[in-house]
Amino acid sequence: MLTKKANSRIRIAVFALFIFGLAFSLIGPKEETIFETRINKQVVGYGDSRSGMMAMMDDVKDGLAAEYYVEELAPYYETAFTEIEKKGLSVTSYEDFRKNVLASQKFVTPGYKLSIDGKVYAKAINRSDLEFLLSNVKSRIKNDHESIDAVVFRESVEITEGNIFLRESILQSESDMLVEHLLTGREQIETYTVKPGDTLTEIASSHGLSLDEIADANPETDVDRIFAGQRLFLSKPAPVLHRK
């Protein structure tokens, strides 16, 4: 059995160990940490400080604003900065950080939308870009019909203000393709079941197609030998805009 003196010494030793452990936890070496940046739950980079990561984020945003000549630019997804244990992680270079941010973040800016019968077909930062697109459509129609003084569309065409994603703003090359689409339309595919007595010429004529167009839409079919019950693909243009 331990004496009172021994018990006292044990209690003193335990208390001393507790104090030593507490002091070590307060003043002893800590685990190295690093700041992790996430956008929409995706890791985009690591940095030594929260302020440093925020500064890099601002630089990316300011660079985009200057590139697109916009004053108002807001991130769409929330950005989270979290301090974590370093565990061999290294600071992300600005170039890699910028690339990761542009891949993960969407930036919103005031812009304009071109709607035809209520459906949005194009978006732009400047209204003039959409007006220029429509003027090109009208010019193409006037060139095809020289007797027309002014082109008026059958469809309801509107340009309205609204926030857009920066990357949605139409480019010049896209503008040229869109003009073509608005005038000729994408190919619409239909199917037709051949009836007894049908000829390919009659099918083509009744659907406003040429024999070559039907042959192109059915590359694996010998269209010179059609038969009742056979299914043919019919491909025809569907213009978006029409003149009155």
Protein backbone atom coordinates (compact mmCIF):
# COMPACT_ATOMS: atom_id res chain seq x y z
CA MET A 1 0.00 0.00 0.00
CA LEU A 2 1.28 3.43 -0.93
CA THR A 3 1.97 5.93 1.76
CA LYS A 4 0.39 9.36 1.81
CA LYS A 5 3.74 10.80 0.82
CA ALA A 6 3.94 8.51 -2.26
CA ASN A 7 0.38 9.31 -3.29
CA SER A 8 1.16 13.00 -3.05
CA ARG A 9 4.22 12.60 -5.24
CA ILE A 10 2.21 10.71 -7.88
CA ARG A 11 -0.46 13.40 -7.95
CA ILE A 12 2.20 16.07 -8.32
CA ALA A 13 3.84 14.14 -11.19
CA VAL A 14 0.52 13.68 -13.04
CA PHE A 15 -0.32 17.36 -12.60
CA ALA A 16 3.12 18.33 -13.89
CA LEU A 17 2.70 16.14 -16.97
CA PHE A 18 -0.68 17.74 -17.64
CA ILE A 19 0.77 21.26 -17.37
CA PHE A 20 3.69 20.29 -19.61
CA GLY A 21 1.34 18.84 -22.27
CA LEU A 22 -0.86 21.91 -22.18
CA ALA A 23 2.12 24.23 -22.54
CA PHE A 24 3.53 22.17 -25.41
CA SER A 25 0.22 22.30 -27.26
CA LEU A 26 0.13 26.09 -26.87
CA ILE A 27 3.72 26.98 -27.68
CA GLY A 28 5.03 23.88 -29.39
CA PRO A 29 5.40 23.42 -33.16
CA LYS A 30 2.12 23.29 -35.13
CA GLU A 31 1.22 21.38 -38.28
CA GLU A 32 1.98 23.40 -41.42
CA THR A 33 -1.17 24.64 -43.14
CA ILE A 34 -2.13 25.92 -46.58
CA PHE A 35 -5.26 27.58 -47.96
CA GLU A 36 -7.40 25.62 -50.39
CA THR A 37 -9.68 27.41 -52.86
CA ARG A 38 -12.78 25.72 -54.23
CA ILE A 39 -15.31 26.88 -56.83
CA ASN A 40 -18.53 24.93 -57.10
CA LYS A 41 -16.84 22.29 -54.88
CA GLN A 42 -13.95 21.95 -57.34
CA VAL A 43 -10.39 22.65 -56.09
CA VAL A 44 -8.80 25.38 -58.22
CA GLY A 45 -5.63 26.09 -56.26
CA TYR A 46 -3.64 26.43 -53.04
CA GLY A 47 -2.00 29.48 -51.47
CA ASP A 48 -0.13 30.68 -48.39
CA SER A 49 -2.94 32.98 -47.25
CA ARG A 50 -6.62 33.66 -47.75
CA SER A 51 -5.89 37.26 -48.76
CA GLY A 52 -3.39 36.10 -51.37
CA MET A 53 -5.90 33.72 -52.93
CA MET A 54 -8.59 36.41 -52.96
CA ALA A 55 -6.17 38.81 -54.65
CA MET A 56 -5.44 36.27 -57.39
CA MET A 57 -9.17 35.72 -57.87
CA ASP A 58 -9.68 39.48 -58.27
CA ASP A 59 -6.82 39.60 -60.81
CA VAL A 60 -8.48 36.89 -62.91
CA LYS A 61 -11.81 38.74 -62.83
CA ASP A 62 -10.22 42.11 -63.65
CA GLY A 63 -8.31 40.55 -66.54
CA LEU A 64 -11.52 39.13 -68.03
CA ALA A 65 -13.32 42.45 -67.60
CA ALA A 66 -10.54 44.21 -69.50
CA GLU A 67 -10.49 41.53 -72.21
CA TYR A 68 -14.23 41.85 -72.88
CA TYR A 69 -14.46 45.60 -72.17
CA VAL A 70 -17.05 45.20 -69.43
CA GLU A 71 -17.35 47.13 -66.18
CA GLU A 72 -19.67 44.84 -64.21
CA LEU A 73 -18.57 41.24 -63.77
CA ALA A 74 -19.79 38.92 -61.02
CA PRO A 75 -18.90 35.28 -60.28
CA TYR A 76 -21.82 32.86 -60.62
CA TYR A 77 -20.57 30.13 -58.26
CA GLU A 78 -19.55 30.69 -54.64
CA THR A 79 -15.82 30.62 -53.87
CA ALA A 80 -14.70 28.95 -50.63
CA PHE A 81 -11.29 29.44 -48.95
CA THR A 82 -10.39 26.80 -46.36
CA GLU A 83 -7.27 26.39 -44.22
CA ILE A 84 -6.12 22.76 -44.28
CA GLU A 85 -3.02 20.76 -43.32
CA LYS A 86 -0.32 21.15 -45.93
CA LYS A 87 0.67 17.46 -46.15
CA GLY A 88 3.01 17.96 -49.10
CA LEU A 89 0.72 20.34 -51.03
CA SER A 90 2.41 23.25 -52.79
CA VAL A 91 1.32 26.75 -53.75
CA THR A 92 -0.43 26.93 -57.15
CA SER A 93 1.13 29.21 -59.76
CA TYR A 94 -0.96 32.14 -60.98
CA GLU A 95 -1.06 30.70 -64.51
CA ASP A 96 -2.47 27.37 -63.31
CA PHE A 97 -4.81 29.10 -60.87
CA ARG A 98 -6.21 31.31 -63.66
CA LYS A 99 -6.69 28.33 -65.98
CA ASN A 100 -8.52 26.38 -63.27
CA VAL A 101 -10.73 29.35 -62.36
CA LEU A 102 -11.75 29.92 -65.99
CA ALA A 103 -12.59 26.22 -66.33
CA SER A 104 -14.69 26.12 -63.12
CA GLN A 105 -16.22 29.58 -62.72
CA LYS A 106 -18.91 31.30 -64.78
CA PHE A 107 -18.91 35.09 -64.79
CA VAL A 108 -22.11 37.08 -65.23
CA THR A 109 -22.39 40.50 -66.86
CA PRO A 110 -25.23 42.75 -68.07
CA GLY A 111 -25.96 42.11 -71.75
CA TYR A 112 -28.62 41.60 -74.41
CA LYS A 113 -30.61 38.67 -75.79
CA LEU A 114 -32.01 38.14 -79.28
CA SER A 115 -35.35 36.31 -79.13
CA ILE A 116 -37.40 35.01 -82.06
CA ASP A 117 -40.97 34.03 -81.19
CA GLY A 118 -39.92 33.89 -77.54
CA LYS A 119 -36.89 31.61 -78.06
CA VAL A 120 -33.40 33.03 -77.38
CA TYR A 121 -31.04 32.52 -80.32
CA ALA A 122 -28.09 34.75 -79.42
CA LYS A 123 -26.62 36.78 -76.56
CA ALA A 124 -24.14 39.65 -76.63
CA ILE A 125 -22.54 42.18 -74.32
CA ASN A 126 -23.37 45.01 -76.75
CA ARG A 127 -26.79 45.54 -78.33
CA SER A 128 -25.10 46.68 -81.53
CA ASP A 129 -23.68 43.17 -82.11
CA LEU A 130 -27.19 41.69 -82.27
CA GLU A 131 -28.50 44.58 -84.40
CA PHE A 132 -25.62 44.01 -86.82
CA LEU A 133 -26.52 40.31 -87.01
CA LEU A 134 -30.12 41.11 -87.93
CA SER A 135 -28.99 43.67 -90.51
CA ASN A 136 -26.88 40.96 -92.17
CA VAL A 137 -29.92 38.67 -92.34
CA LYS A 138 -31.97 41.43 -93.98
CA SER A 139 -29.14 42.22 -96.42
CA ARG A 140 -29.01 38.58 -97.52
CA ILE A 141 -32.77 38.55 -98.11
CA LYS A 142 -32.64 41.82 -100.06
CA ASN A 143 -29.81 40.49 -102.24
CA ASP A 144 -31.95 37.46 -103.11
CA HIS A 145 -34.99 39.64 -103.82
CA GLU A 146 -33.78 42.88 -105.38
CA SER A 147 -37.30 44.28 -105.68
CA ILE A 148 -37.64 44.48 -101.85
CA ASP A 149 -37.08 47.92 -100.33
CA ALA A 150 -37.44 46.88 -96.68
CA VAL A 151 -37.46 43.49 -94.98
CA VAL A 152 -40.12 42.78 -92.37
CA PHE A 153 -40.11 39.44 -90.57
CA ARG A 154 -43.20 37.30 -90.03
CA GLU A 155 -41.83 36.23 -86.66
CA SER A 156 -41.70 38.34 -83.50
CA VAL A 157 -38.07 39.51 -83.17
CA GLU A 158 -36.92 41.21 -79.97
CA ILE A 159 -33.66 42.40 -78.40
CA THR A 160 -33.99 42.65 -74.64
CA GLU A 161 -31.67 43.46 -71.74
CA GLY A 162 -30.67 40.80 -69.24
CA ASN A 163 -27.72 39.24 -67.46
CA ILE A 164 -25.71 36.76 -69.52
CA PHE A 165 -22.73 34.52 -68.91
CA LEU A 166 -19.62 36.21 -70.28
CA ARG A 167 -18.70 33.24 -72.47
CA GLU A 168 -22.17 33.27 -74.06
CA SER A 169 -21.47 36.55 -75.85
CA ILE A 170 -21.54 35.84 -79.57
CA LEU A 171 -18.26 35.98 -81.52
CA GLN A 172 -17.84 37.23 -85.11
CA SER A 173 -17.36 33.71 -86.50
CA GLU A 174 -20.45 32.53 -84.63
CA SER A 175 -22.39 35.53 -85.95
CA ASP A 176 -21.74 34.46 -89.55
CA MET A 177 -22.90 30.91 -88.82
CA LEU A 178 -26.00 32.18 -87.02
CA VAL A 179 -26.99 34.34 -90.00
CA GLU A 180 -26.83 31.21 -92.16
CA HIS A 181 -28.89 29.25 -89.66
CA LEU A 182 -31.59 31.91 -89.36
CA LEU A 183 -31.98 31.94 -93.15
CA THR A 184 -31.73 28.24 -93.96
CA GLY A 185 -32.29 26.45 -90.66
CA ARG A 186 -30.84 23.24 -89.34
CA GLU A 187 -31.76 20.01 -91.08
CA GLN A 188 -34.98 18.48 -89.76
CA ILE A 189 -35.21 14.72 -90.13
CA GLU A 190 -38.55 13.05 -90.79
CA THR A 191 -39.38 9.46 -91.69
CA TYR A 192 -41.71 8.31 -94.43
CA THR A 193 -43.14 4.81 -94.95
CA VAL A 194 -43.36 3.90 -98.63
CA LYS A 195 -46.89 3.06 -99.79
CA PRO A 196 -47.84 0.69 -102.61
CA GLY A 197 -47.49 2.48 -105.96
CA ASP A 198 -45.18 5.23 -104.59
CA THR A 199 -42.29 6.39 -106.73
CA LEU A 200 -39.22 8.20 -105.47
CA THR A 201 -40.00 11.17 -107.73
CA GLU A 202 -43.50 11.53 -106.26
CA ILE A 203 -42.19 11.26 -102.68
CA ALA A 204 -39.52 13.89 -103.35
CA SER A 205 -41.97 16.26 -105.04
CA SER A 206 -44.62 15.99 -102.31
CA HIS A 207 -42.06 16.84 -99.63
CA GLY A 208 -40.29 19.63 -101.50
CA LEU A 209 -37.04 17.67 -101.87
CA SER A 210 -34.81 16.62 -104.73
CA LEU A 211 -33.90 13.01 -105.51
CA ASP A 212 -30.30 13.73 -104.47
CA GLU A 213 -31.44 15.09 -101.09
CA ILE A 214 -33.37 11.89 -100.37
CA ALA A 215 -30.39 9.79 -101.49
CA ASP A 216 -28.06 11.80 -99.20
CA ALA A 217 -30.42 11.27 -96.24
CA ASN A 218 -30.44 7.48 -96.88
CA PRO A 219 -26.80 6.59 -97.67
CA GLU A 220 -27.24 2.89 -96.86
CA THR A 221 -30.39 2.46 -98.96
CA ASP A 222 -30.70 1.79 -102.69
CA VAL A 223 -33.28 4.49 -103.34
CA ASP A 224 -33.67 3.31 -106.96
CA ARG A 225 -35.39 0.16 -105.64
CA ILE A 226 -37.90 1.27 -103.04
CA PHE A 227 -40.72 -1.01 -101.89
CA ALA A 228 -43.94 -0.75 -99.91
CA GLY A 229 -43.38 -0.73 -96.15
CA GLN A 230 -39.83 0.63 -96.47
CA ARG A 231 -38.92 3.58 -94.23
CA LEU A 232 -37.06 6.50 -95.77
CA PHE A 233 -35.44 9.41 -93.98
CA LEU A 234 -36.44 12.81 -95.34
CA SER A 235 -34.16 15.75 -94.63
CA LYS A 236 -35.33 19.27 -95.28
CA PRO A 237 -34.35 22.78 -94.18
CA ALA A 238 -36.34 24.66 -91.54
CA PRO A 239 -35.58 28.41 -91.73
CA VAL A 240 -36.02 30.41 -88.51
CA LEU A 241 -36.83 33.79 -90.07
CA HIS A 242 -39.20 34.47 -92.95
CA ARG A 243 -40.00 37.74 -94.70
CA LYS A 244 -43.57 38.93 -94.93
